Amino acid sequence: MEGKGNFRLPVHELNGPEDAHKTTEFWADQGVTSFKAFMHITRAELKEVIETAHKRGLSVTGHLCSVTYREAAELGIDNIEHGFGADSEWDPAKKPDTCGNTADPARAAVFLSPPGRDASTRLR
């Protein structure tokens, strides 16, 4: 399940929560038992995928960027992939529902040096 901005996956790009609902229902009717949300899905689309899937006893995992891990957890996602280093929440310039700069070294520095710890004290 991917939102607008996909540049590499040969998949349908969702165009809002209603489309997310219909697409989830369509694939569930085809026998899909779990869904994977990708980088450019919006919070509203992800919420709809999760709610629709859960009503049918199905699960949702995420390879996320536009939605932070915290936001996805609050929406009820079942699983998140690729570790906290990929979480866009660490990007201080992150805007809601956008991916931002996932290769920003500042994110890595925050991840390696949690708040309250000077970068010089991090493990090497």
PDB file of N, CA and C in Angstrom:
ATOM      1  N   MET A   1       0.860  -1.161   0.000  1.00  0.00           N
ATOM      2  CA  MET A   1       0.000   0.000   0.000  1.00  0.00           C
ATOM      3  C   MET A   1       0.905   1.222   0.000  1.00  0.00           C
ATOM      4  N   GLU A   2       0.845   1.972  -1.077  1.00  0.00           N
ATOM      5  CA  GLU A   2       1.761   3.093  -1.265  1.00  0.00           C
ATOM      6  C   GLU A   2       0.990   4.339  -1.653  1.00  0.00           C
ATOM      7  N   GLY A   3       1.456   5.476  -1.186  1.00  0.00           N
ATOM      8  CA  GLY A   3       0.824   6.748  -1.517  1.00  0.00           C
ATOM      9  C   GLY A   3       1.497   7.406  -2.702  1.00  0.00           C
ATOM     10  N   LYS A   4       1.128   8.631  -2.953  1.00  0.00           N
ATOM     11  CA  LYS A   4       1.700   9.412  -4.047  1.00  0.00           C
ATOM     12  C   LYS A   4       3.177   9.668  -3.785  1.00  0.00           C
ATOM     13  N   GLY A   5       3.982   9.591  -4.832  1.00  0.00           N
ATOM     14  CA  GLY A   5       5.413   9.856  -4.699  1.00  0.00           C
ATOM     15  C   GLY A   5       6.261   8.619  -4.887  1.00  0.00           C
ATOM     16  N   ASN A   6       5.625   7.480  -5.092  1.00  0.00           N
ATOM     17  CA  ASN A   6       6.345   6.235  -5.331  1.00  0.00           C
ATOM     18  C   ASN A   6       7.187   6.397  -6.597  1.00  0.00           C
ATOM     19  N   PHE A   7       8.427   5.943  -6.528  1.00  0.00           N
ATOM     20  CA  PHE A   7       9.288   6.065  -7.693  1.00  0.00           C
ATOM     21  C   PHE A   7       9.892   4.742  -8.132  1.00  0.00           C
ATOM     22  N   ARG A   8       9.570   3.663  -7.437  1.00  0.00           N
ATOM     23  CA  ARG A   8      10.222   2.410  -7.808  1.00  0.00           C
ATOM     24  C   ARG A   8       9.348   1.169  -7.788  1.00  0.00           C
ATOM     25  N   LEU A   9       8.259   1.182  -7.071  1.00  0.00           N
ATOM     26  CA  LEU A   9       7.431  -0.014  -6.987  1.00  0.00           C
ATOM     27  C   LEU A   9       6.342   0.008  -8.059  1.00  0.00           C
ATOM     28  N   PRO A  10       6.152  -1.098  -8.759  1.00  0.00           N
ATOM     29  CA  PRO A  10       5.068  -1.147  -9.754  1.00  0.00           C
ATOM     30  C   PRO A  10       3.726  -1.452  -9.081  1.00  0.00           C
ATOM     31  N   VAL A  11       3.240  -0.480  -8.306  1.00  0.00           N
ATOM     32  CA  VAL A  11       2.007  -0.657  -7.548  1.00  0.00           C
ATOM     33  C   VAL A  11       1.076   0.519  -7.765  1.00  0.00           C
ATOM     34  N   HIS A  12      -0.181   0.311  -7.437  1.00  0.00           N
ATOM     35  CA  HIS A  12      -1.178   1.381  -7.456  1.00  0.00           C
ATOM     36  C   HIS A  12      -0.824   2.388  -6.369  1.00  0.00           C
ATOM     37  N   GLU A  13      -0.832   3.667  -6.694  1.00  0.00           N
ATOM     38  CA  GLU A  13      -0.613   4.706  -5.696  1.00  0.00           C
ATOM     39  C   GLU A  13      -1.966   5.142  -5.141  1.00  0.00           C
ATOM     40  N   LEU A  14      -2.119   5.031  -3.838  1.00  0.00           N
ATOM     41  CA  LEU A  14      -3.362   5.435  -3.189  1.00  0.00           C
ATOM     42  C   LEU A  14      -3.591   6.933  -3.371  1.00  0.00           C
ATOM     43  N   ASN A  15      -4.859   7.317  -3.510  1.00  0.00           N
ATOM     44  CA  ASN A  15      -5.173   8.737  -3.657  1.00  0.00           C
ATOM     45  C   ASN A  15      -6.140   9.217  -2.578  1.00  0.00           C
ATOM     46  N   GLY A  16      -5.959   8.707  -1.374  1.00  0.00           N
ATOM     47  CA  GLY A  16      -6.764   9.154  -0.243  1.00  0.00           C
ATOM     48  C   GLY A  16      -7.321   7.999   0.560  1.00  0.00           C
ATOM     49  N   PRO A  17      -7.933   8.307   1.706  1.00  0.00           N
ATOM     50  CA  PRO A  17      -8.455   7.270   2.590  1.00  0.00           C
ATOM     51  C   PRO A  17      -9.520   6.384   1.951  1.00  0.00           C
ATOM     52  N   GLU A  18     -10.405   6.947   1.147  1.00  0.00           N
ATOM     53  CA  GLU A  18     -11.444   6.133   0.509  1.00  0.00           C
ATOM     54  C   GLU A  18     -10.814   5.103  -0.439  1.00  0.00           C
ATOM     55  N   ASP A  19      -9.819   5.530  -1.189  1.00  0.00           N
ATOM     56  CA  ASP A  19      -9.117   4.608  -2.078  1.00  0.00           C
ATOM     57  C   ASP A  19      -8.375   3.546  -1.262  1.00  0.00           C
ATOM     58  N   ALA A  20      -7.793   3.947  -0.130  1.00  0.00           N
ATOM     59  CA  ALA A  20      -7.114   2.987   0.743  1.00  0.00           C
ATOM     60  C   ALA A  20      -8.096   1.924   1.233  1.00  0.00           C
ATOM     61  N   HIS A  21      -9.288   2.353   1.612  1.00  0.00           N
ATOM     62  CA  HIS A  21     -10.322   1.414   2.061  1.00  0.00           C
ATOM     63  C   HIS A  21     -10.698   0.441   0.937  1.00  0.00           C
ATOM     64  N   LYS A  22     -11.012   0.985  -0.226  1.00  0.00           N
ATOM     65  CA  LYS A  22     -11.426   0.149  -1.358  1.00  0.00           C
ATOM     66  C   LYS A  22     -10.325  -0.806  -1.791  1.00  0.00           C
ATOM     67  N   THR A  23      -9.089  -0.316  -1.805  1.00  0.00           N
ATOM     68  CA  THR A  23      -7.966  -1.161  -2.228  1.00  0.00           C
ATOM     69  C   THR A  23      -7.732  -2.282  -1.223  1.00  0.00           C
ATOM     70  N   THR A  24      -7.835  -1.974   0.068  1.00  0.00           N
ATOM     71  CA  THR A  24      -7.680  -3.004   1.105  1.00  0.00           C
ATOM     72  C   THR A  24      -8.786  -4.045   0.980  1.00  0.00           C
ATOM     73  N   GLU A  25     -10.008  -3.602   0.816  1.00  0.00           N
ATOM     74  CA  GLU A  25     -11.128  -4.533   0.643  1.00  0.00           C
ATOM     75  C   GLU A  25     -10.940  -5.407  -0.594  1.00  0.00           C
ATOM     76  N   PHE A  26     -10.522  -4.798  -1.707  1.00  0.00           N
ATOM     77  CA  PHE A  26     -10.323  -5.560  -2.939  1.00  0.00           C
ATOM     78  C   PHE A  26      -9.322  -6.693  -2.717  1.00  0.00           C
ATOM     79  N   TRP A  27      -8.151  -6.356  -2.149  1.00  0.00           N
ATOM     80  CA  TRP A  27      -7.120  -7.382  -1.981  1.00  0.00           C
ATOM     81  C   TRP A  27      -7.503  -8.406  -0.922  1.00  0.00           C
ATOM     82  N   ALA A  28      -8.207  -7.992   0.107  1.00  0.00           N
ATOM     83  CA  ALA A  28      -8.686  -8.950   1.107  1.00  0.00           C
ATOM     84  C   ALA A  28      -9.661  -9.937   0.461  1.00  0.00           C
ATOM     85  N   ASP A  29     -10.506  -9.441  -0.425  1.00  0.00           N
ATOM     86  CA  ASP A  29     -11.434 -10.321  -1.144  1.00  0.00           C
ATOM     87  C   ASP A  29     -10.705 -11.312  -2.053  1.00  0.00           C
ATOM     88  N   GLN A  30      -9.480 -10.964  -2.463  1.00  0.00           N
ATOM     89  CA  GLN A  30      -8.683 -11.853  -3.304  1.00  0.00           C
ATOM     90  C   GLN A  30      -7.919 -12.894  -2.491  1.00  0.00           C
ATOM     91  N   GLY A  31      -7.970 -12.773  -1.154  1.00  0.00           N
ATOM     92  CA  GLY A  31      -7.318 -13.749  -0.287  1.00  0.00           C
ATOM     93  C   GLY A  31      -6.059 -13.267   0.401  1.00  0.00           C
ATOM     94  N   VAL A  32      -5.710 -12.001   0.226  1.00  0.00           N
ATOM     95  CA  VAL A  32      -4.537 -11.460   0.916  1.00  0.00           C
ATOM     96  C   VAL A  32      -4.782 -11.520   2.424  1.00  0.00           C
ATOM     97  N   THR A  33      -3.755 -11.919   3.181  1.00  0.00           N
ATOM     98  CA  THR A  33      -3.909 -12.042   4.631  1.00  0.00           C
ATOM     99  C   THR A  33      -3.118 -10.995   5.407  1.00  0.00           C
ATOM    100  N   SER A  34      -2.245 -10.276   4.722  1.00  0.00           N
ATOM    101  CA  SER A  34      -1.502  -9.196   5.375  1.00  0.00           C
ATOM    102  C   SER A  34      -1.151  -8.137   4.339  1.00  0.00           C
ATOM    103  N   PHE A  35      -0.952  -6.934   4.825  1.00  0.00           N
ATOM    104  CA  PHE A  35      -0.649  -5.805   3.962  1.00  0.00           C
ATOM    105  C   PHE A  35       0.648  -5.152   4.404  1.00  0.00           C
ATOM    106  N   LYS A  36       1.352  -4.569   3.435  1.00  0.00           N
ATOM    107  CA  LYS A  36       2.568  -3.823   3.747  1.00  0.00           C
ATOM    108  C   LYS A  36       2.394  -2.396   3.255  1.00  0.00           C
ATOM    109  N   ALA A  37       2.536  -1.454   4.182  1.00  0.00           N
ATOM    110  CA  ALA A  37       2.460  -0.037   3.860  1.00  0.00           C
ATOM    111  C   ALA A  37       3.871   0.449   3.532  1.00  0.00           C
ATOM    112  N   PHE A  38       3.959   1.282   2.497  1.00  0.00           N
ATOM    113  CA  PHE A  38       5.272   1.759   2.067  1.00  0.00           C
ATOM    114  C   PHE A  38       5.489   3.235   2.361  1.00  0.00           C
ATOM    115  N   MET A  39       6.591   3.737   1.880  1.00  0.00           N
ATOM    116  CA  MET A  39       7.172   5.009   2.277  1.00  0.00           C
ATOM    117  C   MET A  39       6.285   6.241   2.142  1.00  0.00           C
ATOM    118  N   HIS A  40       5.453   6.323   1.130  1.00  0.00           N
ATOM    119  CA  HIS A  40       4.741   7.574   0.860  1.00  0.00           C
ATOM    120  C   HIS A  40       3.267   7.551   1.257  1.00  0.00           C
ATOM    121  N   ILE A  41       2.853   6.542   1.990  1.00  0.00           N
ATOM    122  CA  ILE A  41       1.465   6.492   2.457  1.00  0.00           C
ATOM    123  C   ILE A  41       1.252   7.610   3.475  1.00  0.00           C
ATOM    124  N   THR A  42       0.069   8.210   3.455  1.00  0.00           N
ATOM    125  CA  THR A  42      -0.234   9.263   4.440  1.00  0.00           C
ATOM    126  C   THR A  42      -0.800   8.632   5.708  1.00  0.00           C
ATOM    127  N   ARG A  43      -0.865   9.422   6.757  1.00  0.00           N
ATOM    128  CA  ARG A  43      -1.436   8.935   8.016  1.00  0.00           C
ATOM    129  C   ARG A  43      -2.898   8.535   7.827  1.00  0.00           C
ATOM    130  N   ALA A  44      -3.647   9.342   7.079  1.00  0.00           N
ATOM    131  CA  ALA A  44      -5.067   9.041   6.858  1.00  0.00           C
ATOM    132  C   ALA A  44      -5.235   7.754   6.056  1.00  0.00           C
ATOM    133  N   GLU A  45      -4.390   7.558   5.051  1.00  0.00           N
ATOM    134  CA  GLU A  45      -4.463   6.322   4.256  1.00  0.00           C
ATOM    135  C   GLU A  45      -4.072   5.112   5.104  1.00  0.00           C
ATOM    136  N   LEU A  46      -2.993   5.255   5.867  1.00  0.00           N
ATOM    137  CA  LEU A  46      -2.550   4.148   6.720  1.00  0.00           C
ATOM    138  C   LEU A  46      -3.616   3.803   7.754  1.00  0.00           C
ATOM    139  N   LYS A  47      -4.226   4.811   8.342  1.00  0.00           N
ATOM    140  CA  LYS A  47      -5.294   4.572   9.317  1.00  0.00           C
ATOM    141  C   LYS A  47      -6.411   3.742   8.693  1.00  0.00           C
ATOM    142  N   GLU A  48      -6.784   4.088   7.480  1.00  0.00           N
ATOM    143  CA  GLU A  48      -7.862   3.369   6.804  1.00  0.00           C
ATOM    144  C   GLU A  48      -7.452   1.939   6.467  1.00  0.00           C
ATOM    145  N   VAL A  49      -6.223   1.748   6.013  1.00  0.00           N
ATOM    146  CA  VAL A  49      -5.740   0.394   5.724  1.00  0.00           C
ATOM    147  C   VAL A  49      -5.776  -0.448   6.996  1.00  0.00           C
ATOM    148  N   ILE A  50      -5.252   0.102   8.089  1.00  0.00           N
ATOM    149  CA  ILE A  50      -5.205  -0.637   9.354  1.00  0.00           C
ATOM    150  C   ILE A  50      -6.618  -0.981   9.839  1.00  0.00           C
ATOM    151  N   GLU A  51      -7.503  -0.003   9.862  1.00  0.00           N
ATOM    152  CA  GLU A  51      -8.862  -0.260  10.352  1.00  0.00           C
ATOM    153  C   GLU A  51      -9.595  -1.275   9.484  1.00  0.00           C
ATOM    154  N   THR A  52      -9.461  -1.148   8.177  1.00  0.00           N
ATOM    155  CA  THR A  52     -10.140  -2.069   7.257  1.00  0.00           C
ATOM    156  C   THR A  52      -9.573  -3.477   7.386  1.00  0.00           C
ATOM    157  N   ALA A  53      -8.255  -3.581   7.445  1.00  0.00           N
ATOM    158  CA  ALA A  53      -7.623  -4.898   7.585  1.00  0.00           C
ATOM    159  C   ALA A  53      -7.996  -5.541   8.919  1.00  0.00           C
ATOM    160  N   HIS A  54      -7.921  -4.785   9.986  1.00  0.00           N
ATOM    161  CA  HIS A  54      -8.211  -5.344  11.317  1.00  0.00           C
ATOM    162  C   HIS A  54      -9.656  -5.803  11.450  1.00  0.00           C
ATOM    163  N   LYS A  55     -10.585  -5.131  10.794  1.00  0.00           N
ATOM    164  CA  LYS A  55     -11.988  -5.572  10.837  1.00  0.00           C
ATOM    165  C   LYS A  55     -12.150  -6.953  10.230  1.00  0.00           C
ATOM    166  N   ARG A  56     -11.204  -7.331   9.361  1.00  0.00           N
ATOM    167  CA  ARG A  56     -11.256  -8.639   8.707  1.00  0.00           C
ATOM    168  C   ARG A  56     -10.254  -9.618   9.320  1.00  0.00           C
ATOM    169  N   GLY A  57      -9.631  -9.238  10.427  1.00  0.00           N
ATOM    170  CA  GLY A  57      -8.675 -10.106  11.101  1.00  0.00           C
ATOM    171  C   GLY A  57      -7.336 -10.202  10.383  1.00  0.00           C
ATOM    172  N   LEU A  58      -7.003  -9.203   9.574  1.00  0.00           N
ATOM    173  CA  LEU A  58      -5.769  -9.200   8.794  1.00  0.00           C
ATOM    174  C   LEU A  58      -4.761  -8.238   9.414  1.00  0.00           C
ATOM    175  N   SER A  59      -3.492  -8.403   9.068  1.00  0.00           N
ATOM    176  CA  SER A  59      -2.448  -7.591   9.685  1.00  0.00           C
ATOM    177  C   SER A  59      -1.823  -6.610   8.691  1.00  0.00           C
ATOM    178  N   VAL A  60      -1.166  -5.601   9.276  1.00  0.00           N
ATOM    179  CA  VAL A  60      -0.510  -4.560   8.484  1.00  0.00           C
ATOM    180  C   VAL A  60       0.890  -4.335   9.048  1.00  0.00           C
ATOM    181  N   THR A  61       1.864  -4.374   8.169  1.00  0.00           N
ATOM    182  CA  THR A  61       3.241  -4.048   8.536  1.00  0.00           C
ATOM    183  C   THR A  61       3.662  -2.829   7.736  1.00  0.00           C
ATOM    184  N   GLY A  62       4.756  -2.195   8.128  1.00  0.00           N
ATOM    185  CA  GLY A  62       5.157  -0.977   7.439  1.00  0.00           C
ATOM    186  C   GLY A  62       6.634  -0.870   7.158  1.00  0.00           C
ATOM    187  N   HIS A  63       6.937  -0.359   5.996  1.00  0.00           N
ATOM    188  CA  HIS A  63       8.267   0.092   5.572  1.00  0.00           C
ATOM    189  C   HIS A  63       8.039   1.592   5.375  1.00  0.00           C
ATOM    190  N   LEU A  64       8.134   2.335   6.455  1.00  0.00           N
ATOM    191  CA  LEU A  64       7.574   3.676   6.505  1.00  0.00           C
ATOM    192  C   LEU A  64       8.617   4.781   6.393  1.00  0.00           C
ATOM    193  N   CYS A  65       8.117   5.946   6.027  1.00  0.00           N
ATOM    194  CA  CYS A  65       8.926   7.162   5.999  1.00  0.00           C
ATOM    195  C   CYS A  65       8.032   8.383   6.209  1.00  0.00           C
ATOM    196  N   SER A  66       6.965   8.503   5.422  1.00  0.00           N
ATOM    197  CA  SER A  66       6.077   9.665   5.546  1.00  0.00           C
ATOM    198  C   SER A  66       5.283   9.639   6.850  1.00  0.00           C
ATOM    199  N   VAL A  67       5.122   8.473   7.416  1.00  0.00           N
ATOM    200  CA  VAL A  67       4.480   8.300   8.717  1.00  0.00           C
ATOM    201  C   VAL A  67       5.571   7.836   9.682  1.00  0.00           C
ATOM    202  N   THR A  68       5.692   8.495  10.819  1.00  0.00           N
ATOM    203  CA  THR A  68       6.716   8.086  11.781  1.00  0.00           C
ATOM    204  C   THR A  68       6.294   6.783  12.457  1.00  0.00           C
ATOM    205  N   TYR A  69       7.234   6.126  13.057  1.00  0.00           N
ATOM    206  CA  TYR A  69       6.929   4.875  13.755  1.00  0.00           C
ATOM    207  C   TYR A  69       5.959   5.128  14.904  1.00  0.00           C
ATOM    208  N   ARG A  70       6.141   6.224  15.614  1.00  0.00           N
ATOM    209  CA  ARG A  70       5.245   6.556  16.727  1.00  0.00           C
ATOM    210  C   ARG A  70       3.819   6.759  16.216  1.00  0.00           C
ATOM    211  N   GLU A  71       3.685   7.491  15.107  1.00  0.00           N
ATOM    212  CA  GLU A  71       2.358   7.721  14.532  1.00  0.00           C
ATOM    213  C   GLU A  71       1.724   6.396  14.104  1.00  0.00           C
ATOM    214  N   ALA A  72       2.526   5.534  13.467  1.00  0.00           N
ATOM    215  CA  ALA A  72       2.007   4.240  13.020  1.00  0.00           C
ATOM    216  C   ALA A  72       1.567   3.390  14.204  1.00  0.00           C
ATOM    217  N   ALA A  73       2.341   3.409  15.279  1.00  0.00           N
ATOM    218  CA  ALA A  73       1.971   2.647  16.481  1.00  0.00           C
ATOM    219  C   ALA A  73       0.661   3.171  17.059  1.00  0.00           C
ATOM    220  N   GLU A  74       0.506   4.487  17.090  1.00  0.00           N
ATOM    221  CA  GLU A  74      -0.734   5.075  17.601  1.00  0.00           C
ATOM    222  C   GLU A  74      -1.932   4.717  16.723  1.00  0.00           C
ATOM    223  N   LEU A  75      -1.693   4.496  15.430  1.00  0.00           N
ATOM    224  CA  LEU A  75      -2.769   4.096  14.519  1.00  0.00           C
ATOM    225  C   LEU A  75      -3.097   2.607  14.631  1.00  0.00           C
ATOM    226  N   GLY A  76      -2.200   1.826  15.270  1.00  0.00           N
ATOM    227  CA  GLY A  76      -2.464   0.412  15.495  1.00  0.00           C
ATOM    228  C   GLY A  76      -1.768  -0.542  14.553  1.00  0.00           C
ATOM    229  N   ILE A  77      -0.691  -0.105  13.882  1.00  0.00           N
ATOM    230  CA  ILE A  77       0.026  -0.985  12.968  1.00  0.00           C
ATOM    231  C   ILE A  77       0.534  -2.214  13.730  1.00  0.00           C
ATOM    232  N   ASP A  78       0.601  -3.342  13.052  1.00  0.00           N
ATOM    233  CA  ASP A  78       0.999  -4.596  13.695  1.00  0.00           C
ATOM    234  C   ASP A  78       2.511  -4.801  13.745  1.00  0.00           C
ATOM    235  N   ASN A  79       3.235  -4.263  12.769  1.00  0.00           N
ATOM    236  CA  ASN A  79       4.667  -4.513  12.675  1.00  0.00           C
ATOM    237  C   ASN A  79       5.322  -3.382  11.894  1.00  0.00           C
ATOM    238  N   ILE A  80       6.564  -3.085  12.261  1.00  0.00           N
ATOM    239  CA  ILE A  80       7.361  -2.096  11.529  1.00  0.00           C
ATOM    240  C   ILE A  80       8.680  -2.742  11.174  1.00  0.00           C
ATOM    241  N   GLU A  81       9.122  -2.499   9.950  1.00  0.00           N
ATOM    242  CA  GLU A  81      10.359  -3.113   9.469  1.00  0.00           C
ATOM    243  C   GLU A  81      11.491  -2.103   9.353  1.00  0.00           C
ATOM    244  N   HIS A  82      12.691  -2.601   9.410  1.00  0.00           N
ATOM    245  CA  HIS A  82      13.933  -1.890   9.092  1.00  0.00           C
ATOM    246  C   HIS A  82      14.504  -1.054  10.218  1.00  0.00           C
ATOM    247  N   GLY A  83      14.065  -1.233  11.425  1.00  0.00           N
ATOM    248  CA  GLY A  83      14.709  -0.630  12.583  1.00  0.00           C
ATOM    249  C   GLY A  83      14.507   0.858  12.749  1.00  0.00           C
ATOM    250  N   PHE A  84      14.912   1.347  13.897  1.00  0.00           N
ATOM    251  CA  PHE A  84      14.673   2.745  14.244  1.00  0.00           C
ATOM    252  C   PHE A  84      15.550   3.717  13.468  1.00  0.00           C
ATOM    253  N   GLY A  85      16.639   3.264  12.885  1.00  0.00           N
ATOM    254  CA  GLY A  85      17.475   4.137  12.065  1.00  0.00           C
ATOM    255  C   GLY A  85      16.745   4.653  10.846  1.00  0.00           C
ATOM    256  N   ALA A  86      15.701   3.946  10.414  1.00  0.00           N
ATOM    257  CA  ALA A  86      14.919   4.368   9.245  1.00  0.00           C
ATOM    258  C   ALA A  86      13.721   5.222   9.625  1.00  0.00           C
ATOM    259  N   ASP A  87      13.486   5.434  10.910  1.00  0.00           N
ATOM    260  CA  ASP A  87      12.318   6.193  11.358  1.00  0.00           C
ATOM    261  C   ASP A  87      12.488   7.671  11.037  1.00  0.00           C
ATOM    262  N   SER A  88      11.551   8.228  10.291  1.00  0.00           N
ATOM    263  CA  SER A  88      11.644   9.629   9.874  1.00  0.00           C
ATOM    264  C   SER A  88      11.408  10.615  11.016  1.00  0.00           C
ATOM    265  N   GLU A  89      11.002  10.135  12.179  1.00  0.00           N
ATOM    266  CA  GLU A  89      10.786  11.019  13.323  1.00  0.00           C
ATOM    267  C   GLU A  89      12.077  11.723  13.737  1.00  0.00           C
ATOM    268  N   TRP A  90      13.212  11.132  13.428  1.00  0.00           N
ATOM    269  CA  TRP A  90      14.498  11.709  13.821  1.00  0.00           C
ATOM    270  C   TRP A  90      14.873  12.918  12.971  1.00  0.00           C
ATOM    271  N   ASP A  91      14.173  13.139  11.877  1.00  0.00           N
ATOM    272  CA  ASP A  91      14.469  14.263  10.983  1.00  0.00           C
ATOM    273  C   ASP A  91      13.863  15.535  11.580  1.00  0.00           C
ATOM    274  N   PRO A  92      14.683  16.491  12.031  1.00  0.00           N
ATOM    275  CA  PRO A  92      14.127  17.686  12.663  1.00  0.00           C
ATOM    276  C   PRO A  92      13.318  18.554  11.693  1.00  0.00           C
ATOM    277  N   ALA A  93      13.485  18.369  10.392  1.00  0.00           N
ATOM    278  CA  ALA A  93      12.749  19.145   9.397  1.00  0.00           C
ATOM    279  C   ALA A  93      11.541  18.387   8.846  1.00  0.00           C
ATOM    280  N   LYS A  94      11.207  17.234   9.451  1.00  0.00           N
ATOM    281  CA  LYS A  94      10.106  16.406   8.945  1.00  0.00           C
ATOM    282  C   LYS A  94       8.791  17.160   8.970  1.00  0.00           C
ATOM    283  N   LYS A  95       8.061  17.059   7.863  1.00  0.00           N
ATOM    284  CA  LYS A  95       6.717  17.627   7.762  1.00  0.00           C
ATOM    285  C   LYS A  95       5.723  16.468   7.740  1.00  0.00           C
ATOM    286  N   PRO A  96       4.522  16.655   8.313  1.00  0.00           N
ATOM    287  CA  PRO A  96       3.533  15.570   8.328  1.00  0.00           C
ATOM    288  C   PRO A  96       3.244  15.018   6.932  1.00  0.00           C
ATOM    289  N   ASP A  97       3.143  13.708   6.853  1.00  0.00           N
ATOM    290  CA  ASP A  97       2.768  12.999   5.624  1.00  0.00           C
ATOM    291  C   ASP A  97       3.760  13.169   4.483  1.00  0.00           C
ATOM    292  N   THR A  98       4.997  13.532   4.791  1.00  0.00           N
ATOM    293  CA  THR A  98       6.036  13.599   3.772  1.00  0.00           C
ATOM    294  C   THR A  98       7.247  12.820   4.247  1.00  0.00           C
ATOM    295  N   CYS A  99       7.990  12.341   3.290  1.00  0.00           N
ATOM    296  CA  CYS A  99       9.119  11.482   3.610  1.00  0.00           C
ATOM    297  C   CYS A  99      10.333  12.261   4.111  1.00  0.00           C
ATOM    298  N   GLY A 100      10.638  13.388   3.536  1.00  0.00           N
ATOM    299  CA  GLY A 100      11.802  14.140   3.981  1.00  0.00           C
ATOM    300  C   GLY A 100      13.093  13.504   3.510  1.00  0.00           C
ATOM    301  N   ASN A 101      14.165  13.831   4.186  1.00  0.00           N
ATOM    302  CA  ASN A 101      15.492  13.366   3.797  1.00  0.00           C
ATOM    303  C   ASN A 101      15.881  12.172   4.644  1.00  0.00           C
ATOM    304  N   THR A 102      15.700  10.978   4.106  1.00  0.00           N
ATOM    305  CA  THR A 102      15.982   9.767   4.879  1.00  0.00           C
ATOM    306  C   THR A 102      17.471   9.481   4.989  1.00  0.00           C
ATOM    307  N   ALA A 103      18.288  10.194   4.218  1.00  0.00           N
ATOM    308  CA  ALA A 103      19.731   9.957   4.262  1.00  0.00           C
ATOM    309  C   ALA A 103      20.448  11.048   5.064  1.00  0.00           C
ATOM    310  N   ASP A 104      19.709  11.862   5.790  1.00  0.00           N
ATOM    311  CA  ASP A 104      20.282  12.975   6.526  1.00  0.00           C
ATOM    312  C   ASP A 104      21.190  12.461   7.642  1.00  0.00           C
ATOM    313  N   PRO A 105      22.457  12.853   7.644  1.00  0.00           N
ATOM    314  CA  PRO A 105      23.365  12.406   8.709  1.00  0.00           C
ATOM    315  C   PRO A 105      22.925  12.852  10.099  1.00  0.00           C
ATOM    316  N   ALA A 106      22.145  13.936  10.183  1.00  0.00           N
ATOM    317  CA  ALA A 106      21.664  14.394  11.492  1.00  0.00           C
ATOM    318  C   ALA A 106      20.782  13.344  12.136  1.00  0.00           C
ATOM    319  N   ARG A 107      19.994  12.626  11.323  1.00  0.00           N
ATOM    320  CA  ARG A 107      19.142  11.569  11.865  1.00  0.00           C
ATOM    321  C   ARG A 107      19.990  10.468  12.469  1.00  0.00           C
ATOM    322  N   ALA A 108      21.040  10.100  11.772  1.00  0.00           N
ATOM    323  CA  ALA A 108      21.925   9.050  12.280  1.00  0.00           C
ATOM    324  C   ALA A 108      22.583   9.499  13.579  1.00  0.00           C
ATOM    325  N   ALA A 109      22.994  10.762  13.660  1.00  0.00           N
ATOM    326  CA  ALA A 109      23.632  11.264  14.874  1.00  0.00           C
ATOM    327  C   ALA A 109      22.675  11.214  16.051  1.00  0.00           C
ATOM    328  N   VAL A 110      21.415  11.568  15.833  1.00  0.00           N
ATOM    329  CA  VAL A 110      20.415  11.506  16.903  1.00  0.00           C
ATOM    330  C   VAL A 110      20.211  10.064  17.328  1.00  0.00           C
ATOM    331  N   PHE A 111      20.136   9.154  16.362  1.00  0.00           N
ATOM    332  CA  PHE A 111      19.917   7.754  16.678  1.00  0.00           C
ATOM    333  C   PHE A 111      21.081   7.189  17.491  1.00  0.00           C
ATOM    334  N   LEU A 112      22.291   7.552  17.110  1.00  0.00           N
ATOM    335  CA  LEU A 112      23.466   7.042  17.803  1.00  0.00           C
ATOM    336  C   LEU A 112      23.727   7.768  19.116  1.00  0.00           C
ATOM    337  N   SER A 113      23.215   8.971  19.249  1.00  0.00           N
ATOM    338  CA  SER A 113      23.405   9.763  20.456  1.00  0.00           C
ATOM    339  C   SER A 113      22.044  10.231  20.954  1.00  0.00           C
ATOM    340  N   PRO A 114      21.362   9.424  21.746  1.00  0.00           N
ATOM    341  CA  PRO A 114      20.030   9.795  22.225  1.00  0.00           C
ATOM    342  C   PRO A 114      20.051  11.125  22.960  1.00  0.00           C
ATOM    343  N   PRO A 115      18.899  11.778  23.054  1.00  0.00           N
ATOM    344  CA  PRO A 115      18.827  13.047  23.782  1.00  0.00           C
ATOM    345  C   PRO A 115      19.439  12.912  25.168  1.00  0.00           C
ATOM    346  N   GLY A 116      20.205  13.917  25.567  1.00  0.00           N
ATOM    347  CA  GLY A 116      20.839  13.898  26.877  1.00  0.00           C
ATOM    348  C   GLY A 116      22.225  13.285  26.866  1.00  0.00           C
ATOM    349  N   ARG A 117      22.645  12.746  25.726  1.00  0.00           N
ATOM    350  CA  ARG A 117      23.992  12.171  25.631  1.00  0.00           C
ATOM    351  C   ARG A 117      24.773  12.924  24.571  1.00  0.00           C
ATOM    352  N   ASP A 118      25.943  13.369  24.933  1.00  0.00           N
ATOM    353  CA  ASP A 118      26.820  14.030  23.986  1.00  0.00           C
ATOM    354  C   ASP A 118      27.313  13.027  22.955  1.00  0.00           C
ATOM    355  N   ALA A 119      27.445  13.466  21.705  1.00  0.00           N
ATOM    356  CA  ALA A 119      27.883  12.556  20.621  1.00  0.00           C
ATOM    357  C   ALA A 119      29.222  11.922  20.927  1.00  0.00           C
ATOM    358  N   SER A 120      30.061  12.599  21.722  1.00  0.00           N
ATOM    359  CA  SER A 120      31.386  12.043  22.012  1.00  0.00           C
ATOM    360  C   SER A 120      31.314  10.848  22.949  1.00  0.00           C
ATOM    361  N   THR A 121      30.169  10.616  23.606  1.00  0.00           N
ATOM    362  CA  THR A 121      30.056   9.497  24.546  1.00  0.00           C
ATOM    363  C   THR A 121      29.381   8.270  23.929  1.00  0.00           C
ATOM    364  N   ARG A 122      28.979   8.360  22.677  1.00  0.00           N
ATOM    365  CA  ARG A 122      28.267   7.225  22.065  1.00  0.00           C
ATOM    366  C   ARG A 122      29.204   6.028  21.887  1.00  0.00           C
ATOM    367  N   LEU A 123      28.599   4.878  21.802  1.00  0.00           N
ATOM    368  CA  LEU A 123      29.368   3.665  21.564  1.00  0.00           C
ATOM    369  C   LEU A 123      29.929   3.660  20.159  1.00  0.00           C
ATOM    370  N   ARG A 124      31.104   3.146  20.006  1.00  0.00           N
ATOM    371  CA  ARG A 124      31.721   3.059  18.680  1.00  0.00           C
ATOM    372  C   ARG A 124      31.855   1.629  18.282  1.00  0.00           C
TER     373      ARG A 124
END
